[in-house]
Every structure is written in structure tokens, then in C-alpha cells.
Amino acid sequence: MSTRELEFEDAPALLAWVQDPEGSRYFMGDAAGLTLEDLEAFILSARITQGEIHLAVTDGEDRLIGLVSLKQVDLVKKQGEFSIGLRPAAQGRGLARAAARDLLGMAFETLGLESVYMYTDPANQATRIFNERCGFQPLPGPPDGIRPDPTAPRVWYGLTRSAYRQLQAEKAGLFREQF
């Protein structure tokens, strides 16, 4: 597993993923309506949009198996929104933790963020377990200044830089050496 910048060649794999009902079951928004052209535009915008980082998660043969993102990066508030998703065939093998480790290291060590937040559908039990295994703590609601869609139910989680560093030092949870 590795992470890299998204490439236009990833668009067909992204399209197959978003059109897979099982793979896109917990996506927020209308992923099923996306076209190849929409995903090519997303890849282009991922390269030029300030305040966002979108990386391809790839297998050993450089095939796209997921996406890990840091969105709404606010360098003044020192916070950002973390998101991750893997195709169903890639889940359950520790690959999401490895990809999360890459991007959270960038968020806290390179960008100097103090906190990262994420949310999920309350019914998405696998993601809720993943979040807590990675050190994210449940939040009572969205962080200050974040205005979510009021029609979509969400469970919110946060991870601070100090908690990230503690986990890294302990080599536990997300940051253990073995994957």
C-alpha cells in the first residue's frame, strides 16, 4: 500500500467505486450520479485547490483502492477535516490505517495542524470502530465554525496533535509498526 497524488488514469477506478452500491453505501451526497468527466474534473481540482489534499491509496501494483483526504484545511484555526475510504475488496487488511498514518503525519507534522475532525453516518459501524482504533475521540457535534448539512445524520470525531503524538510514541493503535 502506498499513497500518491491522484492521476487522470485513476478516474475509471473511481467511477467503478462510486457506482458500486456496496462501495459507496456511506458516501455523503449523490455519488451514484457522478460521471467519468465529473471524476476527471475532481482529479484536476484536487491538484489545484488550496486548503485540500486528496491522495490515491494504491495497492502494490499502483492500482487505486481508495482515497484519503484532508479537506477544509484552516491554517489560522489549525484544523482540517479528515476522510478516508477504501473499496470493499481492500478493507479489513490494515490498509486504511497505513493510509491514515501517512496523511495524519502530513496534517500534524508538515502542516502544523492542532486538530483534525471527521464524521460518519451513525449506521457505519465499521468506520466508527476504525475512528476509535485510530485515536479519534467522539465529539458532541461539529467543531466551531463548521456548518454541516442539517438533513444528514452524522457522528463526529476529533484527533488532536498531542493525542496523535502520544499514539505515535507508544507505537499503539494506528501507529504500530505491524500492518
N, C-alpha and C. Protein backbone atom coordinates (compact mmCIF):
# COMPACT_ATOMS: atom_id res chain seq x y z
N MET A 1 0.84 -1.18 0.00
CA MET A 1 0.00 0.00 0.00
C MET A 1 0.88 1.23 0.00
N SER A 2 0.48 2.20 -0.80
CA SER A 2 1.14 3.49 -0.75
C SER A 2 0.10 4.57 -1.06
N THR A 3 0.48 5.81 -0.79
CA THR A 3 -0.37 6.94 -1.16
C THR A 3 0.41 7.78 -2.15
N ARG A 4 -0.32 8.39 -3.05
CA ARG A 4 0.29 9.25 -4.07
C ARG A 4 -0.74 10.25 -4.55
N GLU A 5 -0.28 11.22 -5.33
CA GLU A 5 -1.19 12.19 -5.93
C GLU A 5 -2.15 11.47 -6.88
N LEU A 6 -3.38 11.95 -6.94
CA LEU A 6 -4.33 11.39 -7.89
C LEU A 6 -3.88 11.66 -9.31
N GLU A 7 -4.13 10.72 -10.21
CA GLU A 7 -3.79 10.85 -11.62
C GLU A 7 -5.05 10.66 -12.45
N PHE A 8 -5.06 11.23 -13.67
CA PHE A 8 -6.24 11.09 -14.52
C PHE A 8 -6.54 9.63 -14.83
N GLU A 9 -5.52 8.79 -14.82
CA GLU A 9 -5.72 7.36 -15.06
C GLU A 9 -6.52 6.70 -13.95
N ASP A 10 -6.68 7.37 -12.81
CA ASP A 10 -7.46 6.83 -11.69
C ASP A 10 -8.96 7.01 -11.89
N ALA A 11 -9.37 7.85 -12.82
CA ALA A 11 -10.79 8.18 -12.98
C ALA A 11 -11.66 6.95 -13.24
N PRO A 12 -11.30 6.01 -14.12
CA PRO A 12 -12.16 4.84 -14.30
C PRO A 12 -12.33 4.00 -13.03
N ALA A 13 -11.27 3.84 -12.26
CA ALA A 13 -11.38 3.08 -11.00
C ALA A 13 -12.26 3.83 -10.00
N LEU A 14 -12.15 5.16 -9.95
CA LEU A 14 -13.04 5.94 -9.08
C LEU A 14 -14.48 5.78 -9.51
N LEU A 15 -14.72 5.79 -10.83
CA LEU A 15 -16.08 5.64 -11.33
C LEU A 15 -16.66 4.28 -10.95
N ALA A 16 -15.87 3.22 -11.11
CA ALA A 16 -16.35 1.89 -10.73
C ALA A 16 -16.68 1.84 -9.25
N TRP A 17 -15.87 2.52 -8.44
CA TRP A 17 -16.09 2.54 -7.00
C TRP A 17 -17.39 3.26 -6.64
N VAL A 18 -17.59 4.46 -7.19
CA VAL A 18 -18.78 5.23 -6.82
C VAL A 18 -20.05 4.61 -7.38
N GLN A 19 -19.93 3.80 -8.44
CA GLN A 19 -21.12 3.14 -9.00
C GLN A 19 -21.42 1.81 -8.33
N ASP A 20 -20.53 1.35 -7.47
CA ASP A 20 -20.73 0.10 -6.73
C ASP A 20 -21.59 0.40 -5.51
N PRO A 21 -22.81 -0.12 -5.44
CA PRO A 21 -23.68 0.20 -4.30
C PRO A 21 -23.06 -0.16 -2.95
N GLU A 22 -22.34 -1.25 -2.87
CA GLU A 22 -21.70 -1.62 -1.60
C GLU A 22 -20.55 -0.67 -1.28
N GLY A 23 -19.76 -0.34 -2.28
CA GLY A 23 -18.60 0.52 -2.06
C GLY A 23 -18.95 1.96 -1.72
N SER A 24 -20.09 2.42 -2.21
CA SER A 24 -20.47 3.83 -1.99
C SER A 24 -21.62 3.97 -1.01
N ARG A 25 -21.92 2.92 -0.28
CA ARG A 25 -23.09 2.91 0.61
C ARG A 25 -23.10 4.07 1.60
N TYR A 26 -21.96 4.46 2.13
CA TYR A 26 -21.93 5.51 3.14
C TYR A 26 -21.35 6.83 2.63
N PHE A 27 -21.23 6.98 1.31
CA PHE A 27 -20.77 8.25 0.78
C PHE A 27 -21.82 9.32 1.10
N MET A 28 -21.35 10.50 1.43
CA MET A 28 -22.26 11.62 1.64
C MET A 28 -22.49 12.28 0.27
N GLY A 29 -23.72 12.53 -0.08
CA GLY A 29 -24.02 13.15 -1.37
C GLY A 29 -24.41 12.09 -2.39
N ASP A 30 -24.62 12.54 -3.62
CA ASP A 30 -25.09 11.67 -4.70
C ASP A 30 -23.91 11.16 -5.52
N ALA A 31 -23.18 10.21 -4.99
CA ALA A 31 -22.03 9.67 -5.70
C ALA A 31 -22.46 8.86 -6.92
N ALA A 32 -23.60 8.21 -6.85
CA ALA A 32 -24.05 7.35 -7.95
C ALA A 32 -24.28 8.14 -9.23
N GLY A 33 -24.57 9.42 -9.11
CA GLY A 33 -24.83 10.24 -10.29
C GLY A 33 -23.58 10.80 -10.96
N LEU A 34 -22.41 10.52 -10.40
CA LEU A 34 -21.18 11.06 -10.97
C LEU A 34 -20.81 10.37 -12.27
N THR A 35 -20.18 11.13 -13.17
CA THR A 35 -19.74 10.60 -14.46
C THR A 35 -18.21 10.57 -14.49
N LEU A 36 -17.66 9.94 -15.53
CA LEU A 36 -16.22 9.92 -15.71
C LEU A 36 -15.68 11.35 -15.81
N GLU A 37 -16.40 12.21 -16.51
CA GLU A 37 -15.99 13.61 -16.65
C GLU A 37 -16.00 14.32 -15.30
N ASP A 38 -16.99 14.04 -14.46
CA ASP A 38 -17.03 14.62 -13.11
C ASP A 38 -15.79 14.22 -12.31
N LEU A 39 -15.41 12.96 -12.42
CA LEU A 39 -14.27 12.47 -11.65
C LEU A 39 -12.95 13.00 -12.20
N GLU A 40 -12.86 13.17 -13.51
CA GLU A 40 -11.66 13.81 -14.09
C GLU A 40 -11.55 15.25 -13.61
N ALA A 41 -12.68 15.95 -13.53
CA ALA A 41 -12.68 17.32 -13.02
C ALA A 41 -12.28 17.34 -11.54
N PHE A 42 -12.74 16.36 -10.76
CA PHE A 42 -12.34 16.25 -9.36
C PHE A 42 -10.83 16.06 -9.24
N ILE A 43 -10.27 15.20 -10.07
CA ILE A 43 -8.83 14.95 -10.03
C ILE A 43 -8.07 16.23 -10.37
N LEU A 44 -8.52 16.97 -11.37
CA LEU A 44 -7.87 18.24 -11.71
C LEU A 44 -7.99 19.22 -10.55
N SER A 45 -9.18 19.33 -9.96
CA SER A 45 -9.34 20.28 -8.85
C SER A 45 -8.54 19.86 -7.64
N ALA A 46 -8.34 18.54 -7.46
CA ALA A 46 -7.54 18.06 -6.33
C ALA A 46 -6.10 18.54 -6.44
N ARG A 47 -5.66 18.81 -7.65
CA ARG A 47 -4.28 19.27 -7.86
C ARG A 47 -4.12 20.77 -7.66
N ILE A 48 -5.21 21.51 -7.78
CA ILE A 48 -5.07 22.97 -7.76
C ILE A 48 -5.81 23.65 -6.62
N THR A 49 -6.64 22.93 -5.89
CA THR A 49 -7.44 23.55 -4.83
C THR A 49 -6.61 23.74 -3.58
N GLN A 50 -6.49 24.98 -3.15
CA GLN A 50 -5.78 25.25 -1.90
C GLN A 50 -6.67 24.84 -0.74
N GLY A 51 -6.04 24.38 0.32
CA GLY A 51 -6.78 24.01 1.51
C GLY A 51 -7.31 22.59 1.48
N GLU A 52 -6.94 21.82 0.46
CA GLU A 52 -7.38 20.43 0.38
C GLU A 52 -6.26 19.55 -0.15
N ILE A 53 -6.19 18.34 0.37
CA ILE A 53 -5.24 17.34 -0.10
C ILE A 53 -6.03 16.06 -0.33
N HIS A 54 -5.96 15.53 -1.53
CA HIS A 54 -6.62 14.27 -1.86
C HIS A 54 -5.55 13.34 -2.42
N LEU A 55 -5.35 12.21 -1.78
CA LEU A 55 -4.34 11.25 -2.22
C LEU A 55 -5.00 9.93 -2.60
N ALA A 56 -4.47 9.32 -3.65
CA ALA A 56 -4.88 7.98 -4.02
C ALA A 56 -4.24 7.00 -3.06
N VAL A 57 -5.00 6.01 -2.63
CA VAL A 57 -4.46 4.88 -1.88
C VAL A 57 -4.34 3.77 -2.91
N THR A 58 -3.14 3.21 -3.06
CA THR A 58 -2.91 2.24 -4.11
C THR A 58 -2.38 0.92 -3.54
N ASP A 59 -2.59 -0.13 -4.32
CA ASP A 59 -2.07 -1.44 -3.93
C ASP A 59 -0.63 -1.59 -4.42
N GLY A 60 -0.07 -2.75 -4.27
CA GLY A 60 1.32 -3.00 -4.66
C GLY A 60 1.59 -2.85 -6.15
N GLU A 61 0.53 -2.82 -6.96
CA GLU A 61 0.69 -2.66 -8.41
C GLU A 61 0.23 -1.28 -8.87
N ASP A 62 0.15 -0.33 -7.93
CA ASP A 62 -0.23 1.06 -8.19
C ASP A 62 -1.66 1.22 -8.70
N ARG A 63 -2.53 0.28 -8.37
CA ARG A 63 -3.94 0.41 -8.72
C ARG A 63 -4.67 1.11 -7.58
N LEU A 64 -5.58 2.00 -7.93
CA LEU A 64 -6.34 2.75 -6.93
C LEU A 64 -7.27 1.82 -6.17
N ILE A 65 -7.13 1.84 -4.85
CA ILE A 65 -8.02 1.05 -3.99
C ILE A 65 -8.77 1.93 -2.99
N GLY A 66 -8.46 3.23 -3.00
CA GLY A 66 -9.14 4.12 -2.06
C GLY A 66 -8.68 5.55 -2.21
N LEU A 67 -9.18 6.36 -1.31
CA LEU A 67 -8.89 7.78 -1.31
C LEU A 67 -8.77 8.24 0.13
N VAL A 68 -7.76 9.05 0.41
CA VAL A 68 -7.61 9.64 1.74
C VAL A 68 -7.46 11.15 1.52
N SER A 69 -8.19 11.92 2.32
CA SER A 69 -8.26 13.37 2.07
C SER A 69 -8.17 14.17 3.35
N LEU A 70 -7.65 15.36 3.19
CA LEU A 70 -7.66 16.38 4.23
C LEU A 70 -8.32 17.59 3.58
N LYS A 71 -9.51 17.94 4.06
CA LYS A 71 -10.31 19.00 3.44
C LYS A 71 -10.51 20.13 4.43
N GLN A 72 -10.94 21.26 3.90
CA GLN A 72 -11.24 22.43 4.71
C GLN A 72 -10.10 22.75 5.68
N VAL A 73 -8.88 22.65 5.16
CA VAL A 73 -7.71 22.95 5.98
C VAL A 73 -7.72 24.45 6.29
N ASP A 74 -7.68 24.76 7.56
CA ASP A 74 -7.66 26.14 8.03
C ASP A 74 -6.38 26.34 8.83
N LEU A 75 -5.40 27.01 8.21
CA LEU A 75 -4.10 27.19 8.87
C LEU A 75 -4.15 28.24 9.98
N VAL A 76 -5.21 29.05 10.01
CA VAL A 76 -5.38 30.01 11.10
C VAL A 76 -5.93 29.28 12.33
N LYS A 77 -6.99 28.51 12.13
CA LYS A 77 -7.57 27.72 13.24
C LYS A 77 -6.76 26.45 13.50
N LYS A 78 -5.87 26.12 12.57
CA LYS A 78 -5.02 24.93 12.67
C LYS A 78 -5.84 23.65 12.80
N GLN A 79 -6.84 23.53 11.90
CA GLN A 79 -7.67 22.34 11.88
C GLN A 79 -8.00 21.96 10.45
N GLY A 80 -8.45 20.72 10.27
CA GLY A 80 -8.86 20.24 8.96
C GLY A 80 -9.76 19.03 9.11
N GLU A 81 -10.46 18.72 8.04
CA GLU A 81 -11.38 17.58 8.01
C GLU A 81 -10.69 16.40 7.33
N PHE A 82 -10.63 15.29 8.02
CA PHE A 82 -10.01 14.07 7.51
C PHE A 82 -11.09 13.16 6.96
N SER A 83 -10.83 12.52 5.84
CA SER A 83 -11.74 11.49 5.35
C SER A 83 -10.94 10.41 4.66
N ILE A 84 -11.48 9.20 4.70
CA ILE A 84 -10.83 8.07 4.08
C ILE A 84 -11.89 7.08 3.63
N GLY A 85 -11.61 6.44 2.52
CA GLY A 85 -12.49 5.39 2.03
C GLY A 85 -11.69 4.41 1.20
N LEU A 86 -11.99 3.15 1.37
CA LEU A 86 -11.37 2.09 0.58
C LEU A 86 -12.44 1.28 -0.11
N ARG A 87 -12.11 0.76 -1.29
CA ARG A 87 -13.03 -0.14 -1.97
C ARG A 87 -13.24 -1.36 -1.09
N PRO A 88 -14.41 -1.98 -1.14
CA PRO A 88 -14.70 -3.11 -0.24
C PRO A 88 -13.65 -4.22 -0.26
N ALA A 89 -13.09 -4.54 -1.42
CA ALA A 89 -12.10 -5.62 -1.51
C ALA A 89 -10.81 -5.30 -0.77
N ALA A 90 -10.56 -4.03 -0.50
CA ALA A 90 -9.33 -3.63 0.18
C ALA A 90 -9.51 -3.44 1.68
N GLN A 91 -10.72 -3.56 2.16
CA GLN A 91 -11.00 -3.31 3.58
C GLN A 91 -10.63 -4.50 4.45
N GLY A 92 -10.35 -4.20 5.71
CA GLY A 92 -10.11 -5.25 6.69
C GLY A 92 -8.70 -5.81 6.70
N ARG A 93 -7.75 -5.12 6.05
CA ARG A 93 -6.38 -5.62 5.98
C ARG A 93 -5.35 -4.64 6.54
N GLY A 94 -5.81 -3.60 7.23
CA GLY A 94 -4.89 -2.63 7.82
C GLY A 94 -4.44 -1.55 6.85
N LEU A 95 -4.93 -1.57 5.62
CA LEU A 95 -4.50 -0.58 4.62
C LEU A 95 -5.01 0.82 4.94
N ALA A 96 -6.21 0.91 5.48
CA ALA A 96 -6.75 2.23 5.85
C ALA A 96 -5.91 2.86 6.95
N ARG A 97 -5.47 2.07 7.92
CA ARG A 97 -4.63 2.62 8.99
C ARG A 97 -3.31 3.14 8.43
N ALA A 98 -2.73 2.40 7.50
CA ALA A 98 -1.47 2.83 6.90
C ALA A 98 -1.65 4.13 6.12
N ALA A 99 -2.74 4.23 5.36
CA ALA A 99 -3.01 5.46 4.60
C ALA A 99 -3.31 6.61 5.55
N ALA A 100 -4.06 6.33 6.62
CA ALA A 100 -4.36 7.38 7.61
C ALA A 100 -3.07 7.87 8.25
N ARG A 101 -2.17 6.96 8.57
CA ARG A 101 -0.89 7.34 9.17
C ARG A 101 -0.15 8.32 8.27
N ASP A 102 -0.13 8.05 6.96
CA ASP A 102 0.55 8.94 6.02
C ASP A 102 -0.03 10.35 6.05
N LEU A 103 -1.35 10.45 5.94
CA LEU A 103 -1.97 11.77 5.84
C LEU A 103 -2.02 12.49 7.19
N LEU A 104 -2.23 11.76 8.27
CA LEU A 104 -2.23 12.43 9.59
C LEU A 104 -0.83 12.94 9.93
N GLY A 105 0.19 12.21 9.53
CA GLY A 105 1.55 12.72 9.71
C GLY A 105 1.75 14.03 8.97
N MET A 106 1.24 14.11 7.75
CA MET A 106 1.32 15.34 6.98
C MET A 106 0.53 16.46 7.67
N ALA A 107 -0.67 16.13 8.16
CA ALA A 107 -1.52 17.14 8.80
C ALA A 107 -0.86 17.72 10.04
N PHE A 108 -0.35 16.86 10.91
CA PHE A 108 0.18 17.34 12.19
C PHE A 108 1.64 17.78 12.11
N GLU A 109 2.46 17.07 11.38
CA GLU A 109 3.89 17.38 11.38
C GLU A 109 4.29 18.36 10.28
N THR A 110 3.72 18.22 9.09
CA THR A 110 4.09 19.12 7.99
C THR A 110 3.30 20.41 8.02
N LEU A 111 1.97 20.30 8.13
CA LEU A 111 1.12 21.49 8.12
C LEU A 111 1.00 22.15 9.48
N GLY A 112 1.33 21.44 10.55
CA GLY A 112 1.26 22.01 11.89
C GLY A 112 -0.14 22.17 12.44
N LEU A 113 -1.09 21.36 11.96
CA LEU A 113 -2.45 21.46 12.48
C LEU A 113 -2.48 21.02 13.94
N GLU A 114 -3.41 21.57 14.69
CA GLU A 114 -3.60 21.20 16.10
C GLU A 114 -4.68 20.15 16.26
N SER A 115 -5.63 20.10 15.30
CA SER A 115 -6.71 19.11 15.40
C SER A 115 -7.21 18.75 14.01
N VAL A 116 -7.71 17.53 13.94
CA VAL A 116 -8.33 17.02 12.72
C VAL A 116 -9.66 16.41 13.15
N TYR A 117 -10.69 16.64 12.38
CA TYR A 117 -12.00 16.09 12.70
C TYR A 117 -12.51 15.28 11.52
N MET A 118 -13.44 14.43 11.79
CA MET A 118 -14.11 13.66 10.74
C MET A 118 -15.50 13.31 11.22
N TYR A 119 -16.30 12.84 10.30
CA TYR A 119 -17.65 12.42 10.66
C TYR A 119 -18.02 11.20 9.83
N THR A 120 -19.04 10.51 10.28
CA THR A 120 -19.56 9.36 9.55
C THR A 120 -21.05 9.22 9.79
N ASP A 121 -21.66 8.44 8.97
CA ASP A 121 -23.06 8.09 9.16
C ASP A 121 -23.16 7.25 10.44
N PRO A 122 -24.12 7.51 11.30
CA PRO A 122 -24.23 6.73 12.54
C PRO A 122 -24.36 5.22 12.31
N ALA A 123 -24.89 4.81 11.16
CA ALA A 123 -25.06 3.39 10.87
C ALA A 123 -23.76 2.72 10.39
N ASN A 124 -22.75 3.52 10.08
CA ASN A 124 -21.50 2.97 9.56
C ASN A 124 -20.61 2.50 10.71
N GLN A 125 -20.94 1.33 11.23
CA GLN A 125 -20.26 0.80 12.41
C GLN A 125 -18.77 0.54 12.15
N ALA A 126 -18.42 0.07 10.96
CA ALA A 126 -17.01 -0.22 10.65
C ALA A 126 -16.16 1.04 10.74
N THR A 127 -16.66 2.15 10.22
CA THR A 127 -15.91 3.41 10.28
C THR A 127 -15.83 3.92 11.70
N ARG A 128 -16.89 3.76 12.45
CA ARG A 128 -16.86 4.21 13.85
C ARG A 128 -15.80 3.45 14.63
N ILE A 129 -15.69 2.15 14.42
CA ILE A 129 -14.66 1.35 15.08
C ILE A 129 -13.27 1.77 14.61
N PHE A 130 -13.12 1.96 13.30
CA PHE A 130 -11.84 2.41 12.74
C PHE A 130 -11.40 3.73 13.36
N ASN A 131 -12.33 4.69 13.44
CA ASN A 131 -12.00 6.01 14.00
C ASN A 131 -11.44 5.87 15.41
N GLU A 132 -12.11 5.09 16.23
CA GLU A 132 -11.67 4.95 17.62
C GLU A 132 -10.36 4.19 17.72
N ARG A 133 -10.14 3.20 16.86
CA ARG A 133 -8.87 2.49 16.86
C ARG A 133 -7.72 3.40 16.46
N CYS A 134 -8.02 4.40 15.67
CA CYS A 134 -7.00 5.36 15.22
C CYS A 134 -6.79 6.50 16.20
N GLY A 135 -7.50 6.49 17.32
CA GLY A 135 -7.31 7.51 18.33
C GLY A 135 -8.28 8.67 18.27
N PHE A 136 -9.15 8.69 17.26
CA PHE A 136 -10.17 9.74 17.20
C PHE A 136 -11.14 9.54 18.36
N GLN A 137 -11.52 10.64 18.98
CA GLN A 137 -12.44 10.62 20.11
C GLN A 137 -13.79 11.19 19.66
N PRO A 138 -14.90 10.63 20.15
CA PRO A 138 -16.20 11.18 19.80
C PRO A 138 -16.32 12.64 20.24
N LEU A 139 -16.94 13.45 19.41
CA LEU A 139 -17.21 14.86 19.72
C LEU A 139 -18.71 15.04 19.90
N PRO A 140 -19.12 16.03 20.68
CA PRO A 140 -20.55 16.25 20.88
C PRO A 140 -21.25 16.81 19.64
N GLY A 141 -20.48 17.30 18.70
CA GLY A 141 -21.04 17.87 17.48
C GLY A 141 -19.90 18.37 16.62
N PRO A 142 -20.21 19.12 15.55
CA PRO A 142 -19.14 19.60 14.68
C PRO A 142 -18.26 20.63 15.39
N PRO A 143 -17.01 20.76 14.96
CA PRO A 143 -16.14 21.79 15.53
C PRO A 143 -16.71 23.19 15.27
N ASP A 144 -16.29 24.13 16.08
CA ASP A 144 -16.75 25.52 15.91
C ASP A 144 -16.49 25.99 14.49
N GLY A 145 -17.49 26.65 13.92
CA GLY A 145 -17.35 27.22 12.59
C GLY A 145 -17.71 26.26 11.46
N ILE A 146 -17.96 25.01 11.76
CA ILE A 146 -18.33 24.03 10.73
C ILE A 146 -19.84 23.90 10.72
N ARG A 147 -20.43 24.12 9.55
CA ARG A 147 -21.89 24.05 9.42
C ARG A 147 -22.25 22.89 8.50
N PRO A 148 -22.56 21.74 9.08
CA PRO A 148 -22.90 20.57 8.26
C PRO A 148 -24.31 20.65 7.70
N ASP A 149 -24.58 19.81 6.73
CA ASP A 149 -25.92 19.66 6.18
C ASP A 149 -26.83 19.16 7.30
N PRO A 150 -27.85 19.93 7.68
CA PRO A 150 -28.70 19.51 8.80
C PRO A 150 -29.58 18.30 8.50
N THR A 151 -29.69 17.93 7.22
CA THR A 151 -30.55 16.79 6.87
C THR A 151 -29.81 15.46 6.92
N ALA A 152 -28.48 15.49 7.03
CA ALA A 152 -27.70 14.26 7.03
C ALA A 152 -27.24 13.94 8.45
N PRO A 153 -27.64 12.80 9.00
CA PRO A 153 -27.19 12.45 10.35
C PRO A 153 -25.69 12.15 10.35
N ARG A 154 -25.01 12.61 11.39
CA ARG A 154 -23.56 12.41 11.47
C ARG A 154 -23.14 12.17 12.91
N VAL A 155 -22.08 11.38 13.05
CA VAL A 155 -21.38 11.21 14.31
C VAL A 155 -20.01 11.83 14.08
N TRP A 156 -19.60 12.72 14.98
CA TRP A 156 -18.37 13.49 14.82
C TRP A 156 -17.25 12.93 15.69
N TYR A 157 -16.01 13.03 15.17
CA TYR A 157 -14.82 12.56 15.88
C TYR A 157 -13.71 13.59 15.71
N GLY A 158 -12.81 13.64 16.69
CA GLY A 158 -11.66 14.54 16.60
C GLY A 158 -10.40 13.87 17.10
N LEU A 159 -9.27 14.34 16.57
CA LEU A 159 -7.95 13.88 16.99
C LEU A 159 -7.06 15.11 17.12
N THR A 160 -6.43 15.29 18.26
CA THR A 160 -5.53 16.42 18.47
C THR A 160 -4.10 16.02 18.16
N ARG A 161 -3.27 17.03 17.92
CA ARG A 161 -1.86 16.75 17.66
C ARG A 161 -1.21 16.07 18.86
N SER A 162 -1.54 16.49 20.07
CA SER A 162 -0.93 15.86 21.25
C SER A 162 -1.34 14.39 21.37
N ALA A 163 -2.61 14.06 21.08
CA ALA A 163 -3.04 12.67 21.12
C ALA A 163 -2.36 11.86 20.02
N TYR A 164 -2.22 12.45 18.84
CA TYR A 164 -1.51 11.81 17.73
C TYR A 164 -0.07 11.49 18.13
N ARG A 165 0.60 12.46 18.72
CA ARG A 165 1.99 12.25 19.11
C ARG A 165 2.11 11.20 20.22
N GLN A 166 1.17 11.19 21.13
CA GLN A 166 1.19 10.18 22.18
C GLN A 166 1.03 8.78 21.58
N LEU A 167 0.09 8.64 20.66
CA LEU A 167 -0.10 7.34 19.99
C LEU A 167 1.15 6.94 19.21
N GLN A 168 1.74 7.90 18.55
CA GLN A 168 2.94 7.62 17.78
C GLN A 168 4.08 7.18 18.70
N ALA A 169 4.24 7.84 19.82
CA ALA A 169 5.30 7.49 20.77
C ALA A 169 5.08 6.11 21.37
N GLU A 170 3.84 5.76 21.62
CA GLU A 170 3.52 4.46 22.20
C GLU A 170 3.55 3.33 21.19
N LYS A 171 3.61 3.67 19.92
CA LYS A 171 3.55 2.69 18.83
C LYS A 171 2.32 1.78 19.00
N ALA A 172 1.21 2.40 19.37
CA ALA A 172 -0.03 1.66 19.60
C ALA A 172 -1.06 2.09 18.57
N GLY A 173 -2.12 1.32 18.49
CA GLY A 173 -3.25 1.68 17.62
C GLY A 173 -2.81 1.93 16.20
N LEU A 174 -3.12 3.10 15.70
CA LEU A 174 -2.84 3.48 14.32
C LEU A 174 -1.36 3.44 14.00
N PHE A 175 -0.52 3.71 14.97
CA PHE A 175 0.88 3.95 14.67
C PHE A 175 1.79 2.78 14.99
N ARG A 176 1.21 1.62 15.23
CA ARG A 176 2.07 0.46 15.49
C ARG A 176 2.81 0.09 14.21
N GLU A 177 3.90 -0.57 14.37
CA GLU A 177 4.78 -0.90 13.25
C GLU A 177 4.20 -1.99 12.35
N GLN A 178 3.42 -2.88 12.87
CA GLN A 178 2.95 -4.02 12.09
C GLN A 178 1.61 -3.71 11.44
N PHE A 179 1.52 -3.98 10.17
CA PHE A 179 0.26 -3.81 9.41
C PHE A 179 -0.04 -5.09 8.67
